[in-house]
Amino acid sequence: MSSADRPASDSGAPPPPEAIIVHARRVKCNGGGGALGHPVVFYDMGDEAFVECLYCDRRFVYEPGPGGEADH
């Protein structure tokens, strides 16, 4: 089987980070694994469109809510 015929999971590359759509520029992450996650951390995107967790590589992607900025 050539590399073009293999499913992406056979490539040996790590899976892409999980992307989570958020409607606020301030987010918190705990790894999502309950007791198996990581310490709670908070991030502020500022003017950026996304932020990545330094522990688990989750990517929080900002999309304005229906009423515009929902950052309160």
N, C-alpha and C. Protein backbone atom coordinates (compact mmCIF):
# COMPACT_ATOMS: atom_id res chain seq x y z
N MET A 1 0.86 -1.18 0.00
CA MET A 1 0.00 0.00 0.00
C MET A 1 0.90 1.24 0.00
N SER A 2 0.69 2.15 -0.89
CA SER A 2 1.49 3.37 -0.94
C SER A 2 1.01 4.34 0.13
N SER A 3 1.83 5.35 0.44
CA SER A 3 1.46 6.32 1.47
C SER A 3 0.21 7.10 1.07
N ALA A 4 -0.04 7.27 -0.23
CA ALA A 4 -1.24 7.98 -0.69
C ALA A 4 -2.49 7.16 -0.45
N ASP A 5 -2.35 5.81 -0.36
CA ASP A 5 -3.50 4.94 -0.16
C ASP A 5 -3.81 4.70 1.31
N ARG A 6 -2.89 5.05 2.21
CA ARG A 6 -3.09 4.80 3.63
C ARG A 6 -4.02 5.83 4.24
N PRO A 7 -4.82 5.42 5.21
CA PRO A 7 -5.61 6.41 5.96
C PRO A 7 -4.67 7.32 6.72
N ALA A 8 -5.12 8.53 7.05
CA ALA A 8 -4.28 9.51 7.74
C ALA A 8 -3.75 8.97 9.05
N SER A 9 -4.49 8.10 9.73
CA SER A 9 -4.05 7.58 11.02
C SER A 9 -2.83 6.67 10.89
N ASP A 10 -2.54 6.16 9.72
CA ASP A 10 -1.38 5.30 9.49
C ASP A 10 -0.12 6.09 9.19
N SER A 11 -0.20 7.40 9.10
CA SER A 11 0.94 8.21 8.69
C SER A 11 2.00 8.34 9.78
N GLY A 12 1.65 8.01 11.02
CA GLY A 12 2.59 8.17 12.11
C GLY A 12 2.60 9.57 12.69
N ALA A 13 1.95 10.51 12.03
CA ALA A 13 1.88 11.88 12.53
C ALA A 13 0.85 11.95 13.65
N PRO A 14 1.08 12.81 14.64
CA PRO A 14 0.08 12.95 15.70
C PRO A 14 -1.20 13.57 15.14
N PRO A 15 -2.33 13.29 15.77
CA PRO A 15 -3.58 13.87 15.28
C PRO A 15 -3.55 15.39 15.48
N PRO A 16 -4.31 16.13 14.67
CA PRO A 16 -4.34 17.58 14.85
C PRO A 16 -4.96 17.92 16.20
N PRO A 17 -4.62 19.07 16.77
CA PRO A 17 -5.21 19.44 18.05
C PRO A 17 -6.71 19.63 17.93
N GLU A 18 -7.38 19.40 19.03
CA GLU A 18 -8.83 19.59 19.07
C GLU A 18 -9.13 21.08 18.95
N ALA A 19 -10.07 21.44 18.10
CA ALA A 19 -10.49 22.83 17.94
C ALA A 19 -11.85 23.01 18.58
N ILE A 20 -11.98 24.01 19.42
CA ILE A 20 -13.22 24.30 20.12
C ILE A 20 -13.64 25.72 19.77
N ILE A 21 -14.84 25.86 19.21
CA ILE A 21 -15.38 27.18 18.86
C ILE A 21 -15.91 27.82 20.13
N VAL A 22 -15.50 29.06 20.40
CA VAL A 22 -15.96 29.79 21.58
C VAL A 22 -16.49 31.15 21.15
N HIS A 23 -17.35 31.72 22.00
CA HIS A 23 -17.95 33.01 21.69
C HIS A 23 -17.49 34.09 22.66
N ALA A 24 -16.37 33.85 23.33
CA ALA A 24 -15.75 34.81 24.23
C ALA A 24 -14.25 34.73 24.02
N ARG A 25 -13.57 35.83 24.25
CA ARG A 25 -12.11 35.85 24.06
C ARG A 25 -11.35 35.37 25.29
N ARG A 26 -12.04 35.17 26.40
CA ARG A 26 -11.43 34.61 27.60
C ARG A 26 -11.92 33.19 27.76
N VAL A 27 -11.00 32.24 27.88
CA VAL A 27 -11.37 30.82 27.98
C VAL A 27 -10.58 30.16 29.10
N LYS A 28 -11.08 29.02 29.54
CA LYS A 28 -10.33 28.20 30.50
C LYS A 28 -10.26 26.79 29.95
N CYS A 29 -9.20 26.09 30.33
CA CYS A 29 -9.01 24.73 29.86
C CYS A 29 -8.53 23.88 31.02
N ASN A 30 -9.07 22.65 31.11
CA ASN A 30 -8.63 21.70 32.12
C ASN A 30 -8.23 20.38 31.48
N GLY A 31 -8.10 20.37 30.18
CA GLY A 31 -7.71 19.16 29.46
C GLY A 31 -8.86 18.25 29.12
N GLY A 32 -10.02 18.50 29.73
CA GLY A 32 -11.20 17.72 29.41
C GLY A 32 -11.18 16.29 29.89
N GLY A 33 -10.21 15.89 30.67
CA GLY A 33 -10.12 14.50 31.10
C GLY A 33 -10.51 14.29 32.55
N GLY A 34 -11.26 15.22 33.15
CA GLY A 34 -11.60 15.08 34.56
C GLY A 34 -10.33 15.00 35.38
N ALA A 35 -10.23 13.97 36.21
CA ALA A 35 -9.03 13.79 37.04
C ALA A 35 -7.80 13.50 36.18
N LEU A 36 -8.00 13.07 34.95
CA LEU A 36 -6.87 12.76 34.06
C LEU A 36 -6.47 13.95 33.19
N GLY A 37 -7.11 15.10 33.39
CA GLY A 37 -6.79 16.29 32.60
C GLY A 37 -5.53 16.96 33.12
N HIS A 38 -5.51 18.28 33.11
CA HIS A 38 -4.37 19.04 33.61
C HIS A 38 -4.90 20.16 34.49
N PRO A 39 -4.03 20.89 35.18
CA PRO A 39 -4.51 22.00 36.02
C PRO A 39 -5.30 23.00 35.18
N VAL A 40 -6.28 23.63 35.81
CA VAL A 40 -7.09 24.63 35.11
C VAL A 40 -6.20 25.83 34.78
N VAL A 41 -6.26 26.25 33.52
CA VAL A 41 -5.53 27.43 33.07
C VAL A 41 -6.50 28.34 32.34
N PHE A 42 -6.24 29.63 32.41
CA PHE A 42 -7.09 30.62 31.76
C PHE A 42 -6.27 31.34 30.70
N TYR A 43 -6.91 31.64 29.59
CA TYR A 43 -6.26 32.35 28.48
C TYR A 43 -7.12 33.50 28.02
N ASP A 44 -6.48 34.58 27.61
CA ASP A 44 -7.16 35.73 27.02
C ASP A 44 -6.57 35.92 25.63
N MET A 45 -7.42 35.86 24.61
CA MET A 45 -6.96 35.95 23.22
C MET A 45 -6.51 37.34 22.82
N GLY A 46 -6.95 38.36 23.54
CA GLY A 46 -6.66 39.72 23.09
C GLY A 46 -7.32 39.94 21.75
N ASP A 47 -6.56 40.38 20.76
CA ASP A 47 -7.10 40.62 19.42
C ASP A 47 -6.93 39.44 18.48
N GLU A 48 -6.35 38.35 18.97
CA GLU A 48 -6.12 37.18 18.13
C GLU A 48 -7.42 36.42 17.89
N ALA A 49 -7.45 35.58 16.86
CA ALA A 49 -8.63 34.79 16.51
C ALA A 49 -8.66 33.44 17.23
N PHE A 50 -7.55 33.05 17.85
CA PHE A 50 -7.50 31.77 18.56
C PHE A 50 -6.39 31.81 19.59
N VAL A 51 -6.45 30.82 20.50
CA VAL A 51 -5.39 30.61 21.47
C VAL A 51 -5.26 29.10 21.65
N GLU A 52 -4.04 28.62 21.88
CA GLU A 52 -3.81 27.20 22.09
C GLU A 52 -3.37 26.96 23.52
N CYS A 53 -3.89 25.90 24.12
CA CYS A 53 -3.52 25.53 25.48
C CYS A 53 -2.08 25.02 25.48
N LEU A 54 -1.30 25.51 26.42
CA LEU A 54 0.10 25.10 26.51
C LEU A 54 0.26 23.69 27.09
N TYR A 55 -0.77 23.16 27.72
CA TYR A 55 -0.72 21.80 28.26
C TYR A 55 -1.15 20.76 27.23
N CYS A 56 -2.33 20.95 26.63
CA CYS A 56 -2.91 19.87 25.82
C CYS A 56 -3.06 20.22 24.34
N ASP A 57 -2.65 21.40 23.93
CA ASP A 57 -2.70 21.84 22.53
C ASP A 57 -4.10 22.06 21.99
N ARG A 58 -5.13 22.01 22.85
CA ARG A 58 -6.47 22.35 22.34
C ARG A 58 -6.41 23.76 21.79
N ARG A 59 -7.13 23.98 20.71
CA ARG A 59 -7.17 25.30 20.09
C ARG A 59 -8.58 25.87 20.30
N PHE A 60 -8.66 27.01 20.95
CA PHE A 60 -9.93 27.70 21.16
C PHE A 60 -10.03 28.78 20.09
N VAL A 61 -11.04 28.65 19.23
CA VAL A 61 -11.21 29.54 18.09
C VAL A 61 -12.38 30.46 18.36
N TYR A 62 -12.13 31.76 18.30
CA TYR A 62 -13.17 32.76 18.58
C TYR A 62 -14.06 32.99 17.37
N GLU A 63 -15.35 32.92 17.60
CA GLU A 63 -16.36 33.33 16.62
C GLU A 63 -17.38 34.16 17.37
N PRO A 64 -17.64 35.38 16.92
CA PRO A 64 -18.62 36.22 17.61
C PRO A 64 -19.98 35.53 17.65
N GLY A 65 -20.67 35.73 18.75
CA GLY A 65 -22.02 35.19 18.87
C GLY A 65 -23.00 36.01 18.05
N PRO A 66 -24.27 35.64 18.08
CA PRO A 66 -25.28 36.34 17.29
C PRO A 66 -25.40 37.82 17.65
N GLY A 67 -25.07 38.20 18.89
CA GLY A 67 -25.16 39.59 19.29
C GLY A 67 -23.85 40.32 19.24
N GLY A 68 -22.86 39.78 18.56
CA GLY A 68 -21.53 40.40 18.49
C GLY A 68 -20.65 39.88 19.59
N GLU A 69 -19.78 40.70 20.10
CA GLU A 69 -18.85 40.31 21.16
C GLU A 69 -19.60 39.85 22.40
N ALA A 70 -19.33 38.63 22.84
CA ALA A 70 -20.00 38.07 24.02
C ALA A 70 -19.03 37.91 25.17
N ASP A 71 -18.08 38.78 25.27
CA ASP A 71 -17.01 38.64 26.22
C ASP A 71 -17.33 39.38 27.52
N HIS A 72 -18.29 38.84 28.28
CA HIS A 72 -18.55 39.44 29.59
C HIS A 72 -18.72 38.39 30.63
